[in-house]
């Protein structure tokens, strides 16, 4: 086997700190990356919690309201009351979890698509397993929410 073959190649896409994400928000419990398309960060600070959504293909393109005056647009940043957030792997859709309520929102059209009052027990893990199914893992079972 040739030593010239490298099994993993890495390319830096962006620096989260340069996108305005504080270092303390870059943790396993506050950041999710469900595909190679979006990064979702839940910032917790003195002014409350905020959701930051970064499209890795065009990190400065989404939030037209956040123009810095130089024609540069910042990632979407909105107040949030959810405990966890998970971007859809390919669409501009987000799943939010707050206490016992799960909700799915279309961020482009600013509409709520679904709401579910959780009766399954504590959700320990969740993941989009397809374009229309969100898997939920509780203490004793795995569920699909379609």
Protein backbone atom coordinates (compact mmCIF):
# COMPACT_ATOMS: atom_id res chain seq x y z
CA UNK A 1 0.00 0.00 0.00
CA UNK A 2 1.37 3.39 -0.94
CA UNK A 3 2.06 5.94 1.78
CA UNK A 4 0.93 8.68 -0.64
CA UNK A 5 -2.73 7.75 -0.13
CA UNK A 6 -4.32 9.84 2.60
CA UNK A 7 -7.68 8.39 3.74
CA UNK A 8 -9.00 11.66 5.18
CA UNK A 9 -8.69 15.13 3.73
CA UNK A 10 -9.61 18.19 5.75
CA UNK A 11 -10.50 21.64 4.51
CA UNK A 12 -11.30 24.57 6.76
CA UNK A 13 -14.63 26.05 5.71
CA UNK A 14 -14.90 28.89 8.22
CA UNK A 15 -13.99 30.00 11.73
CA UNK A 16 -17.03 30.06 14.02
CA UNK A 17 -15.49 32.78 16.18
CA UNK A 18 -15.12 34.99 13.08
CA UNK A 19 -18.84 34.42 12.42
CA UNK A 20 -19.60 35.98 15.80
CA UNK A 21 -20.10 32.72 17.69
CA UNK A 22 -18.53 32.99 21.16
CA UNK A 23 -16.07 30.26 22.17
CA UNK A 24 -18.29 29.12 25.07
CA UNK A 25 -21.09 28.31 22.57
CA UNK A 26 -18.89 25.86 20.65
CA UNK A 27 -19.67 22.72 22.67
CA UNK A 28 -21.34 19.33 22.16
CA UNK A 29 -24.46 20.51 24.02
CA UNK A 30 -25.01 23.78 22.14
CA UNK A 31 -23.84 23.07 18.59
CA UNK A 32 -25.21 20.63 16.03
CA UNK A 33 -24.16 19.74 12.51
CA UNK A 34 -26.59 17.23 11.05
CA UNK A 35 -25.05 17.31 7.56
CA UNK A 36 -22.37 19.09 5.55
CA UNK A 37 -24.86 21.91 4.85
CA UNK A 38 -25.76 23.64 8.14
CA UNK A 39 -24.33 24.40 11.55
CA UNK A 40 -26.81 25.30 14.26
CA UNK A 41 -25.61 26.97 17.46
CA UNK A 42 -27.60 27.81 20.59
CA UNK A 43 -25.90 30.76 22.28
CA UNK A 44 -26.66 31.33 25.95
CA UNK A 45 -25.77 34.73 27.35
CA UNK A 46 -26.83 37.64 29.51
CA UNK A 47 -29.48 38.73 26.99
CA UNK A 48 -31.03 35.24 26.83
CA UNK A 49 -30.61 32.42 24.33
CA UNK A 50 -30.13 32.95 20.62
CA UNK A 51 -30.17 30.56 17.69
CA UNK A 52 -27.47 30.96 15.04
CA UNK A 53 -27.85 29.11 11.73
CA UNK A 54 -24.90 29.03 9.35
CA UNK A 55 -25.18 27.63 5.81
CA UNK A 56 -21.70 26.25 5.11
CA UNK A 57 -22.10 26.75 1.36
CA UNK A 58 -22.84 30.47 1.75
CA UNK A 59 -22.24 31.48 5.37
CA UNK A 60 -22.98 35.19 4.87
CA UNK A 61 -26.08 34.92 2.69
CA UNK A 62 -29.18 34.31 4.82
CA UNK A 63 -30.05 37.15 7.13
CA UNK A 64 -30.73 40.23 4.99
CA UNK A 65 -31.72 42.09 8.16
CA UNK A 66 -28.18 41.73 9.52
CA UNK A 67 -26.30 43.69 6.86
CA UNK A 68 -23.28 45.24 8.56
CA UNK A 69 -23.36 48.30 6.28
CA UNK A 70 -20.57 46.99 4.06
CA UNK A 71 -22.77 44.64 2.05
CA UNK A 72 -21.73 41.68 4.21
CA UNK A 73 -24.61 39.64 5.62
CA UNK A 74 -24.30 37.74 8.87
CA UNK A 75 -25.76 34.28 9.58
CA UNK A 76 -29.33 34.09 10.85
CA UNK A 77 -29.44 34.95 14.57
CA UNK A 78 -32.77 34.95 16.43
CA UNK A 79 -33.93 34.81 20.08
CA UNK A 80 -34.93 31.30 21.12
CA UNK A 81 -36.48 29.60 24.16
CA UNK A 82 -35.74 26.04 23.09
CA UNK A 83 -33.41 23.69 24.94
CA UNK A 84 -32.11 22.15 21.70
CA UNK A 85 -32.19 22.83 17.97
CA UNK A 86 -31.44 20.59 14.99
CA UNK A 87 -31.32 21.73 11.37
CA UNK A 88 -32.78 19.59 8.62
CA UNK A 89 -29.95 17.97 6.62
CA UNK A 90 -30.85 19.61 3.29
CA UNK A 91 -33.72 22.11 3.67
CA UNK A 92 -33.93 25.42 5.55
CA UNK A 93 -36.05 23.69 8.22
CA UNK A 94 -35.32 23.39 11.93
CA UNK A 95 -36.56 21.12 14.71
CA UNK A 96 -36.76 22.68 18.18
CA UNK A 97 -37.14 20.98 21.54
CA UNK A 98 -38.30 22.87 24.64
CA UNK A 99 -39.24 20.89 27.74
CA UNK A 100 -41.91 18.46 26.51
CA UNK A 101 -42.71 20.22 23.21
CA UNK A 102 -41.15 19.40 19.84
CA UNK A 103 -41.72 21.76 16.91
CA UNK A 104 -40.58 21.92 13.29
CA UNK A 105 -40.31 25.28 11.51
CA UNK A 106 -39.71 26.30 7.91
CA UNK A 107 -37.23 29.15 8.37
CA UNK A 108 -37.49 30.43 4.81
CA UNK A 109 -41.27 30.90 4.95
CA UNK A 110 -41.31 31.63 8.70
CA UNK A 111 -44.02 29.06 9.37
CA UNK A 112 -44.49 26.28 11.91
CA UNK A 113 -44.92 22.93 10.16
CA UNK A 114 -45.56 20.56 13.08
CA UNK A 115 -45.92 20.46 16.84
CA UNK A 116 -45.80 17.45 19.15
CA UNK A 117 -46.40 17.32 22.91
CA UNK A 118 -43.87 14.71 24.04
CA UNK A 119 -45.30 11.85 26.11
CA UNK A 120 -42.40 9.47 25.43
CA UNK A 121 -40.25 10.45 28.38
CA UNK A 122 -36.99 12.32 28.22
CA UNK A 123 -35.56 12.55 24.71
CA UNK A 124 -31.91 11.52 25.05
CA UNK A 125 -30.96 11.79 21.38
CA UNK A 126 -32.58 12.94 18.16
CA UNK A 127 -31.55 12.95 14.52
CA UNK A 128 -33.01 13.49 11.07
CA UNK A 129 -32.83 10.00 9.52
CA UNK A 130 -34.39 11.06 6.20
CA UNK A 131 -35.86 14.17 4.61
CA UNK A 132 -39.18 13.67 6.41
CA UNK A 133 -38.43 11.55 9.49
CA UNK A 134 -36.99 12.74 12.79
CA UNK A 135 -35.84 9.87 15.02
CA UNK A 136 -36.32 10.33 18.77
CA UNK A 137 -34.53 8.14 21.32
CA UNK A 138 -35.93 7.92 24.84
CA UNK A 139 -34.84 5.85 27.85
CA UNK A 140 -36.48 2.70 26.52
CA UNK A 141 -37.41 3.07 22.85
CA UNK A 142 -36.70 4.67 19.46
CA UNK A 143 -39.50 6.54 17.69
CA UNK A 144 -39.92 8.03 14.23
CA UNK A 145 -41.80 11.31 13.87
CA UNK A 146 -42.92 11.85 10.28
